[in-house]
N, C-alpha and C. Protein backbone atom coordinates (compact mmCIF):
# COMPACT_ATOMS: atom_id res chain seq x y z
N MET A 1 124.28 54.57 -10.61
CA MET A 1 123.65 54.79 -12.48
C MET A 1 121.98 54.80 -12.16
N SER A 2 121.84 55.86 -12.63
CA SER A 2 120.45 55.71 -12.52
C SER A 2 119.42 54.74 -13.79
N ARG A 3 118.55 54.45 -12.81
CA ARG A 3 117.86 53.53 -14.33
C ARG A 3 117.30 54.34 -15.93
N GLU A 4 117.25 55.73 -15.90
CA GLU A 4 116.53 56.31 -16.93
C GLU A 4 117.81 56.41 -18.44
N ARG A 5 119.36 57.03 -16.84
CA ARG A 5 120.52 56.32 -17.76
C ARG A 5 120.79 55.14 -18.41
N GLN A 6 120.74 53.98 -17.89
CA GLN A 6 120.81 52.93 -18.35
C GLN A 6 119.68 52.79 -19.16
N PHE A 7 118.29 53.10 -19.04
CA PHE A 7 117.57 53.21 -20.78
C PHE A 7 119.13 54.37 -21.80
N ILE A 8 119.15 54.63 -21.63
CA ILE A 8 119.89 55.17 -22.70
C ILE A 8 120.65 54.89 -23.02
N LEU A 9 121.41 53.88 -21.77
CA LEU A 9 122.42 53.59 -22.59
C LEU A 9 122.25 52.38 -23.43
N ILE A 10 121.18 51.33 -23.37
CA ILE A 10 120.45 50.23 -23.92
C ILE A 10 120.06 51.18 -25.43
N GLY A 11 119.63 52.16 -25.03
CA GLY A 11 118.62 52.87 -26.43
C GLY A 11 119.77 52.88 -27.80
N GLU A 12 120.90 53.34 -26.63
CA GLU A 12 122.27 53.98 -27.82
C GLU A 12 123.13 52.40 -28.50
N ALA A 13 123.01 51.26 -27.99
CA ALA A 13 123.60 50.20 -28.16
C ALA A 13 122.57 49.49 -28.84
N PHE A 14 121.50 49.57 -29.35
CA PHE A 14 120.61 49.17 -30.03
C PHE A 14 121.10 49.96 -31.56
N ASN A 15 121.23 51.62 -30.73
CA ASN A 15 121.45 52.21 -32.28
C ASN A 15 122.64 51.68 -33.04
N GLN A 16 123.57 51.74 -32.38
CA GLN A 16 124.73 51.53 -32.99
C GLN A 16 124.72 49.59 -33.68
N LEU A 17 123.98 48.78 -33.12
CA LEU A 17 124.02 47.79 -33.00
C LEU A 17 123.07 47.49 -34.79
N LEU A 18 122.51 47.89 -35.24
CA LEU A 18 121.74 48.56 -36.13
C LEU A 18 122.41 48.60 -37.01
N LEU A 19 122.75 49.94 -36.97
CA LEU A 19 124.13 50.76 -37.70
C LEU A 19 124.96 49.89 -37.97
N ASN A 20 125.71 48.68 -37.34
CA ASN A 20 126.97 47.73 -38.08
C ASN A 20 126.23 46.87 -38.01
N PHE A 21 125.19 46.52 -37.88
CA PHE A 21 124.96 45.31 -38.30
C PHE A 21 123.18 45.01 -38.52
N PRO A 22 123.20 45.62 -39.54
CA PRO A 22 121.67 45.97 -40.01
C PRO A 22 120.97 45.33 -39.94
N GLU A 23 121.03 43.57 -40.45
CA GLU A 23 120.38 42.23 -40.90
C GLU A 23 119.99 41.91 -39.25
N GLU A 24 120.68 42.16 -38.63
CA GLU A 24 119.51 41.87 -36.98
C GLU A 24 118.42 42.67 -36.74
N LYS A 25 118.35 44.28 -37.27
CA LYS A 25 116.43 44.72 -37.15
C LYS A 25 115.94 43.19 -36.77
N ASN A 26 115.21 42.30 -37.67
CA ASN A 26 114.79 41.12 -37.72
C ASN A 26 114.05 40.97 -35.87
N LEU A 27 115.52 40.18 -35.51
CA LEU A 27 115.14 40.03 -34.12
C LEU A 27 114.26 40.59 -33.03
N PHE A 28 114.85 41.77 -33.83
CA PHE A 28 114.74 42.60 -32.39
C PHE A 28 113.83 43.80 -33.20
N PRO A 29 112.56 43.78 -33.15
CA PRO A 29 111.12 44.44 -33.74
C PRO A 29 111.27 45.24 -32.80
N GLU A 30 111.05 45.67 -31.97
CA GLU A 30 110.79 46.69 -30.78
C GLU A 30 112.03 47.36 -30.06
N ALA A 31 113.43 47.24 -31.70
CA ALA A 31 114.66 48.16 -31.14
C ALA A 31 114.29 50.02 -31.85
N PRO A 32 113.67 49.82 -32.50
CA PRO A 32 112.74 51.33 -32.92
C PRO A 32 111.97 52.23 -32.05
N ARG A 33 111.26 51.52 -30.89
CA ARG A 33 110.79 51.66 -29.67
C ARG A 33 111.30 52.40 -29.24
N ILE A 34 112.90 51.08 -28.63
CA ILE A 34 113.75 51.76 -27.80
C ILE A 34 115.05 52.87 -27.87
N ILE A 35 114.22 52.81 -29.01
CA ILE A 35 115.86 53.76 -29.93
C ILE A 35 114.92 55.25 -29.64
N SER A 36 113.88 55.25 -30.03
CA SER A 36 113.20 56.70 -29.65
C SER A 36 113.16 56.55 -28.18
N PHE A 37 112.62 55.89 -27.05
CA PHE A 37 112.18 55.98 -25.96
C PHE A 37 113.84 56.70 -25.70
N ARG A 38 115.16 55.87 -25.88
CA ARG A 38 116.50 56.42 -25.44
C ARG A 38 116.07 57.83 -26.07
N THR A 39 115.53 58.55 -27.07
CA THR A 39 115.47 60.30 -27.13
C THR A 39 115.07 60.91 -26.63
N ARG A 40 113.63 60.14 -25.98
CA ARG A 40 113.59 60.63 -25.41
C ARG A 40 113.77 61.69 -23.87
N LEU A 41 114.58 60.37 -23.49
CA LEU A 41 114.74 60.31 -21.91
C LEU A 41 116.26 61.30 -22.39
N THR A 42 116.81 61.75 -23.32
CA THR A 42 117.61 61.96 -23.66
C THR A 42 118.16 63.14 -23.95
N HIS A 43 117.28 64.06 -24.51
CA HIS A 43 116.35 65.32 -24.62
C HIS A 43 114.99 66.13 -24.73
N ALA A 44 114.30 64.67 -24.23
CA ALA A 44 113.26 65.72 -23.35
C ALA A 44 112.81 64.81 -22.56
N TYR A 45 113.05 64.54 -21.49
CA TYR A 45 113.25 63.41 -19.92
C TYR A 45 112.36 64.49 -19.47
N ARG A 46 111.89 65.48 -19.36
CA ARG A 46 111.09 65.83 -18.10
C ARG A 46 109.25 65.64 -18.56
N THR A 47 109.16 64.60 -20.28
CA THR A 47 108.18 64.37 -21.10
C THR A 47 107.56 62.96 -19.84
N ILE A 48 108.44 62.63 -19.60
CA ILE A 48 108.23 60.96 -18.92
C ILE A 48 108.37 60.77 -17.72
N SER A 49 107.34 60.23 -17.51
CA SER A 49 106.95 60.27 -16.14
C SER A 49 107.59 59.07 -15.14
N ASP A 50 107.78 58.97 -14.03
CA ASP A 50 108.47 57.76 -13.47
C ASP A 50 107.92 56.53 -13.78
N ASP A 51 105.87 56.60 -13.87
CA ASP A 51 105.32 55.24 -13.94
C ASP A 51 105.72 54.85 -15.25
N VAL A 52 105.93 55.84 -16.72
CA VAL A 52 106.50 55.12 -17.58
C VAL A 52 107.20 54.49 -17.44
N VAL A 53 108.59 54.90 -16.68
CA VAL A 53 110.16 54.27 -16.48
C VAL A 53 110.09 53.01 -16.08
N TRP A 54 109.43 52.59 -14.42
CA TRP A 54 108.68 51.92 -13.26
C TRP A 54 107.29 51.14 -14.67
N GLY A 55 106.76 51.45 -15.16
CA GLY A 55 106.33 50.22 -16.02
C GLY A 55 106.71 49.48 -17.13
N ILE A 56 108.09 50.30 -17.78
CA ILE A 56 108.66 49.44 -18.87
C ILE A 56 109.94 48.13 -17.98
N MET A 57 110.25 49.01 -16.91
CA MET A 57 111.00 47.52 -15.75
C MET A 57 110.53 46.53 -14.92
N LYS A 58 109.16 47.05 -14.99
CA LYS A 58 107.75 45.90 -14.48
C LYS A 58 107.21 45.12 -15.98
N ASN A 59 107.06 45.61 -16.96
CA ASN A 59 106.43 44.49 -17.60
C ASN A 59 107.74 44.26 -18.54
N SER A 60 108.50 44.84 -19.34
CA SER A 60 109.22 44.68 -20.72
C SER A 60 110.24 44.64 -19.93
N LEU A 61 111.31 44.71 -18.98
CA LEU A 61 112.92 44.23 -18.88
C LEU A 61 113.01 43.20 -19.19
N SER A 62 112.30 42.29 -17.91
CA SER A 62 113.04 40.64 -18.05
C SER A 62 113.28 39.97 -19.23
N SER A 63 111.73 40.64 -19.61
CA SER A 63 111.42 39.35 -21.00
C SER A 63 113.36 40.19 -21.87
N PHE A 64 113.09 40.98 -21.98
CA PHE A 64 114.02 41.85 -23.18
C PHE A 64 115.39 41.46 -23.01
N CYS A 65 115.72 41.02 -21.05
CA CYS A 65 116.88 40.92 -21.00
C CYS A 65 117.30 39.42 -21.37
N THR A 66 115.96 38.86 -20.92
CA THR A 66 116.26 37.53 -21.46
C THR A 66 116.63 36.63 -22.60
N LYS A 67 115.94 37.16 -23.41
CA LYS A 67 116.20 38.09 -25.06
C LYS A 67 117.80 37.96 -25.45
N ILE A 68 118.05 39.19 -24.85
CA ILE A 68 119.28 39.39 -25.17
C ILE A 68 120.68 38.18 -24.54
N TYR A 69 119.96 38.45 -23.50
CA TYR A 69 120.94 36.78 -22.85
C TYR A 69 121.50 35.88 -23.99
N LEU A 70 120.33 35.31 -24.33
CA LEU A 70 120.26 33.73 -24.70
C LEU A 70 121.35 34.04 -26.67
N LEU A 71 120.45 35.27 -26.96
CA LEU A 71 121.27 35.75 -27.67
C LEU A 71 122.42 35.76 -27.75
N TYR A 72 122.93 36.16 -26.53
CA TYR A 72 124.67 36.35 -26.15
C TYR A 72 125.29 34.44 -25.89
N GLN A 73 124.61 34.36 -25.43
CA GLN A 73 125.28 32.30 -25.47
C GLN A 73 125.16 31.66 -26.77
N GLU A 74 123.61 32.31 -27.87
CA GLU A 74 124.04 31.54 -28.83
C GLU A 74 125.66 32.29 -29.48
N ARG A 75 125.62 33.07 -29.68
CA ARG A 75 126.43 33.36 -30.70
C ARG A 75 128.88 34.28 -29.88
N CYS A 76 128.03 33.81 -28.57
CA CYS A 76 129.02 33.97 -27.20
C CYS A 76 130.02 32.91 -27.03
N PRO A 77 129.66 31.65 -27.31
CA PRO A 77 129.53 30.35 -26.51
C PRO A 77 131.41 30.60 -26.10
N GLU A 78 130.86 29.51 -24.44
CA GLU A 78 132.59 30.09 -24.08
C GLU A 78 134.20 28.90 -24.58
C-alpha cells in the first residue's frame, strides 16, 4: 500500500472519528489539517509533491503515531 493511500485512510478515520465522537476534537487539534490533506490526496493528488509527503512522514508522523498509541492504551487496556 502506498504512503499516500495510508494518509488517505488516516484522514478518513479522523473524519469518521470526529463525526461519531465530536468531543474528541480537543485531543487532536491537528485533525482538520489531516482531513484536509486526505481530501487533497484523494481529489487533487497531482498538486502534492513527494517532498510534501516525505516532509510529513519525517517531521510529524512519529509523534502523531505515539499520540494515537497512548490514547489507545488509555482507552483500550488489555
